[in-house]
Amino acid sequence: MNATDPLPHQPRAQAPLCPSCGSPVIRIDASVEVKYRVHYTLTAKELEVIEEQFGEGEWTEQSPAACTDCDWRGAVAELLERR
Protein backbone atom coordinates (compact mmCIF):
# COMPACT_ATOMS: atom_id res chain seq x y z
CA MET A 1 0.00 0.00 0.00
CA ASN A 2 1.39 3.46 -0.88
CA ALA A 3 0.49 7.03 0.05
CA THR A 4 -1.52 7.61 -3.13
CA ASP A 5 -3.66 4.51 -2.58
CA PRO A 6 -4.32 4.11 1.16
CA LEU A 7 -7.56 2.16 0.71
CA PRO A 8 -7.16 -1.60 0.21
CA HIS A 9 -9.26 -3.17 -2.53
CA GLN A 10 -9.64 -6.57 -4.11
CA PRO A 11 -8.96 -6.67 -7.86
CA ARG A 12 -11.87 -8.18 -9.78
CA ALA A 13 -13.34 -7.91 -13.25
CA GLN A 14 -15.32 -4.66 -13.35
CA ALA A 15 -16.62 -2.25 -15.95
CA PRO A 16 -14.41 0.73 -16.90
CA LEU A 17 -15.20 3.78 -14.79
CA CYS A 18 -12.49 6.41 -15.31
CA PRO A 19 -13.42 8.62 -18.29
CA SER A 20 -9.73 9.08 -19.11
CA CYS A 21 -8.00 5.69 -18.80
CA GLY A 22 -10.89 3.29 -18.19
CA SER A 23 -9.75 2.17 -14.73
CA PRO A 24 -12.54 0.32 -12.88
CA VAL A 25 -11.60 1.99 -9.56
CA ILE A 26 -12.20 5.66 -8.69
CA ARG A 27 -11.71 7.49 -5.40
CA ILE A 28 -14.58 9.73 -4.19
CA ASP A 29 -14.16 12.34 -1.46
CA ALA A 30 -17.16 12.12 0.88
CA SER A 31 -18.29 13.92 4.00
CA VAL A 32 -18.77 12.10 7.29
CA GLU A 33 -20.23 13.61 10.45
CA VAL A 34 -18.24 12.94 13.62
CA LYS A 35 -19.39 13.90 17.12
CA TYR A 36 -16.89 14.06 19.97
CA ARG A 37 -17.26 14.10 23.75
CA VAL A 38 -14.25 15.75 25.30
CA HIS A 39 -13.00 16.90 28.66
CA TYR A 40 -10.24 19.26 29.68
CA THR A 41 -7.21 17.65 31.30
CA LEU A 42 -5.54 19.79 33.92
CA THR A 43 -2.22 18.00 33.65
CA ALA A 44 -1.85 18.30 29.87
CA LYS A 45 -3.91 21.51 29.67
CA GLU A 46 -5.75 20.38 26.55
CA LEU A 47 -8.98 18.80 25.39
CA GLU A 48 -8.98 15.01 25.44
CA VAL A 49 -11.44 12.92 23.42
CA ILE A 50 -13.32 10.47 25.62
CA GLU A 51 -15.88 9.31 23.04
CA GLU A 52 -16.44 9.66 19.31
CA GLN A 53 -19.50 8.80 17.26
CA PHE A 54 -19.36 8.46 13.47
CA GLY A 55 -22.37 9.21 11.32
CA GLU A 56 -23.20 8.17 7.78
CA GLY A 57 -20.87 9.05 4.94
CA GLU A 58 -22.37 10.45 1.79
CA TRP A 59 -21.42 11.97 -1.54
CA THR A 60 -23.36 13.87 -4.17
CA GLU A 61 -23.00 14.31 -7.91
CA GLN A 62 -20.83 17.37 -7.15
CA SER A 63 -18.42 15.45 -4.89
CA PRO A 64 -14.80 15.34 -6.09
CA ALA A 65 -13.67 12.11 -7.75
CA ALA A 66 -10.19 11.03 -8.86
CA CYS A 67 -8.44 8.16 -10.60
CA THR A 68 -5.24 7.04 -8.89
CA ASP A 69 -4.06 5.29 -12.07
CA CYS A 70 -3.96 8.30 -14.43
CA ASP A 71 -4.58 11.31 -12.12
CA TRP A 72 -7.92 12.23 -13.79
CA ARG A 73 -9.94 14.54 -11.55
CA GLY A 74 -13.57 15.49 -11.85
CA ALA A 75 -16.96 15.08 -10.18
CA VAL A 76 -19.15 12.04 -9.51
CA ALA A 77 -21.64 13.41 -12.09
CA GLU A 78 -19.03 12.88 -14.82
CA LEU A 79 -18.86 9.19 -13.89
CA LEU A 80 -22.64 8.85 -14.05
CA GLU A 81 -22.88 10.52 -17.51
CA ARG A 82 -21.25 7.46 -19.09
CA ARG A 83 -23.78 4.99 -17.69
C-alpha atoms as a PDB file:
ATOM      1  CA  MET A   1       0.000   0.000   0.000  1.00  0.00           C
ATOM      2  CA  ASN A   2       1.389   3.456  -0.875  1.00  0.00           C
ATOM      3  CA  ALA A   3       0.488   7.035   0.055  1.00  0.00           C
ATOM      4  CA  THR A   4      -1.518   7.613  -3.129  1.00  0.00           C
ATOM      5  CA  ASP A   5      -3.657   4.510  -2.584  1.00  0.00           C
ATOM      6  CA  PRO A   6      -4.323   4.115   1.156  1.00  0.00           C
ATOM      7  CA  LEU A   7      -7.562   2.156   0.708  1.00  0.00           C
ATOM      8  CA  PRO A   8      -7.162  -1.598   0.211  1.00  0.00           C
ATOM      9  CA  HIS A   9      -9.258  -3.174  -2.530  1.00  0.00           C
ATOM     10  CA  GLN A  10      -9.645  -6.574  -4.113  1.00  0.00           C
ATOM     11  CA  PRO A  11      -8.957  -6.668  -7.860  1.00  0.00           C
ATOM     12  CA  ARG A  12     -11.869  -8.184  -9.780  1.00  0.00           C
ATOM     13  CA  ALA A  13     -13.341  -7.907 -13.245  1.00  0.00           C
ATOM     14  CA  GLN A  14     -15.317  -4.659 -13.354  1.00  0.00           C
ATOM     15  CA  ALA A  15     -16.615  -2.247 -15.954  1.00  0.00           C
ATOM     16  CA  PRO A  16     -14.412   0.728 -16.902  1.00  0.00           C
ATOM     17  CA  LEU A  17     -15.200   3.781 -14.785  1.00  0.00           C
ATOM     18  CA  CYS A  18     -12.486   6.406 -15.313  1.00  0.00           C
ATOM     19  CA  PRO A  19     -13.420   8.623 -18.289  1.00  0.00           C
ATOM     20  CA  SER A  20      -9.731   9.081 -19.114  1.00  0.00           C
ATOM     21  CA  CYS A  21      -7.999   5.691 -18.798  1.00  0.00           C
ATOM     22  CA  GLY A  22     -10.894   3.288 -18.185  1.00  0.00           C
ATOM     23  CA  SER A  23      -9.750   2.169 -14.731  1.00  0.00           C
ATOM     24  CA  PRO A  24     -12.538   0.324 -12.878  1.00  0.00           C
ATOM     25  CA  VAL A  25     -11.596   1.993  -9.561  1.00  0.00           C
ATOM     26  CA  ILE A  26     -12.200   5.658  -8.685  1.00  0.00           C
ATOM     27  CA  ARG A  27     -11.706   7.490  -5.402  1.00  0.00           C
ATOM     28  CA  ILE A  28     -14.584   9.731  -4.195  1.00  0.00           C
ATOM     29  CA  ASP A  29     -14.163  12.341  -1.456  1.00  0.00           C
ATOM     30  CA  ALA A  30     -17.163  12.118   0.879  1.00  0.00           C
ATOM     31  CA  SER A  31     -18.293  13.919   4.005  1.00  0.00           C
ATOM     32  CA  VAL A  32     -18.767  12.105   7.295  1.00  0.00           C
ATOM     33  CA  GLU A  33     -20.229  13.615  10.448  1.00  0.00           C
ATOM     34  CA  VAL A  34     -18.245  12.936  13.617  1.00  0.00           C
ATOM     35  CA  LYS A  35     -19.392  13.904  17.119  1.00  0.00           C
ATOM     36  CA  TYR A  36     -16.886  14.064  19.969  1.00  0.00           C
ATOM     37  CA  ARG A  37     -17.260  14.096  23.746  1.00  0.00           C
ATOM     38  CA  VAL A  38     -14.246  15.753  25.304  1.00  0.00           C
ATOM     39  CA  HIS A  39     -13.005  16.903  28.660  1.00  0.00           C
ATOM     40  CA  TYR A  40     -10.244  19.264  29.684  1.00  0.00           C
ATOM     41  CA  THR A  41      -7.213  17.650  31.297  1.00  0.00           C
ATOM     42  CA  LEU A  42      -5.541  19.790  33.918  1.00  0.00           C
ATOM     43  CA  THR A  43      -2.217  17.999  33.647  1.00  0.00           C
ATOM     44  CA  ALA A  44      -1.853  18.301  29.868  1.00  0.00           C
ATOM     45  CA  LYS A  45      -3.913  21.513  29.666  1.00  0.00           C
ATOM     46  CA  GLU A  46      -5.752  20.377  26.550  1.00  0.00           C
ATOM     47  CA  LEU A  47      -8.981  18.795  25.394  1.00  0.00           C
ATOM     48  CA  GLU A  48      -8.983  15.011  25.435  1.00  0.00           C
ATOM     49  CA  VAL A  49     -11.441  12.918  23.417  1.00  0.00           C
ATOM     50  CA  ILE A  50     -13.319  10.468  25.620  1.00  0.00           C
ATOM     51  CA  GLU A  51     -15.880   9.306  23.043  1.00  0.00           C
ATOM     52  CA  GLU A  52     -16.443   9.657  19.308  1.00  0.00           C
ATOM     53  CA  GLN A  53     -19.502   8.800  17.257  1.00  0.00           C
ATOM     54  CA  PHE A  54     -19.358   8.456  13.469  1.00  0.00           C
ATOM     55  CA  GLY A  55     -22.373   9.207  11.316  1.00  0.00           C
ATOM     56  CA  GLU A  56     -23.197   8.165   7.782  1.00  0.00           C
ATOM     57  CA  GLY A  57     -20.870   9.047   4.944  1.00  0.00           C
ATOM     58  CA  GLU A  58     -22.370  10.452   1.789  1.00  0.00           C
ATOM     59  CA  TRP A  59     -21.423  11.969  -1.536  1.00  0.00           C
ATOM     60  CA  THR A  60     -23.364  13.867  -4.171  1.00  0.00           C
ATOM     61  CA  GLU A  61     -22.996  14.308  -7.909  1.00  0.00           C
ATOM     62  CA  GLN A  62     -20.835  17.371  -7.148  1.00  0.00           C
ATOM     63  CA  SER A  63     -18.419  15.455  -4.888  1.00  0.00           C
ATOM     64  CA  PRO A  64     -14.800  15.336  -6.095  1.00  0.00           C
ATOM     65  CA  ALA A  65     -13.672  12.108  -7.747  1.00  0.00           C
ATOM     66  CA  ALA A  66     -10.194  11.029  -8.864  1.00  0.00           C
ATOM     67  CA  CYS A  67      -8.437   8.163 -10.602  1.00  0.00           C
ATOM     68  CA  THR A  68      -5.237   7.037  -8.890  1.00  0.00           C
ATOM     69  CA  ASP A  69      -4.055   5.286 -12.067  1.00  0.00           C
ATOM     70  CA  CYS A  70      -3.963   8.305 -14.428  1.00  0.00           C
ATOM     71  CA  ASP A  71      -4.582  11.315 -12.117  1.00  0.00           C
ATOM     72  CA  TRP A  72      -7.915  12.231 -13.786  1.00  0.00           C
ATOM     73  CA  ARG A  73      -9.939  14.544 -11.546  1.00  0.00           C
ATOM     74  CA  GLY A  74     -13.571  15.488 -11.854  1.00  0.00           C
ATOM     75  CA  ALA A  75     -16.959  15.082 -10.176  1.00  0.00           C
ATOM     76  CA  VAL A  76     -19.152  12.045  -9.511  1.00  0.00           C
ATOM     77  CA  ALA A  77     -21.635  13.415 -12.090  1.00  0.00           C
ATOM     78  CA  GLU A  78     -19.032  12.877 -14.818  1.00  0.00           C
ATOM     79  CA  LEU A  79     -18.864   9.190 -13.895  1.00  0.00           C
ATOM     80  CA  LEU A  80     -22.644   8.846 -14.053  1.00  0.00           C
ATOM     81  CA  GLU A  81     -22.879  10.521 -17.505  1.00  0.00           C
ATOM     82  CA  ARG A  82     -21.253   7.464 -19.088  1.00  0.00           C
ATOM     83  CA  ARG A  83     -23.783   4.988 -17.686  1.00  0.00           C
END
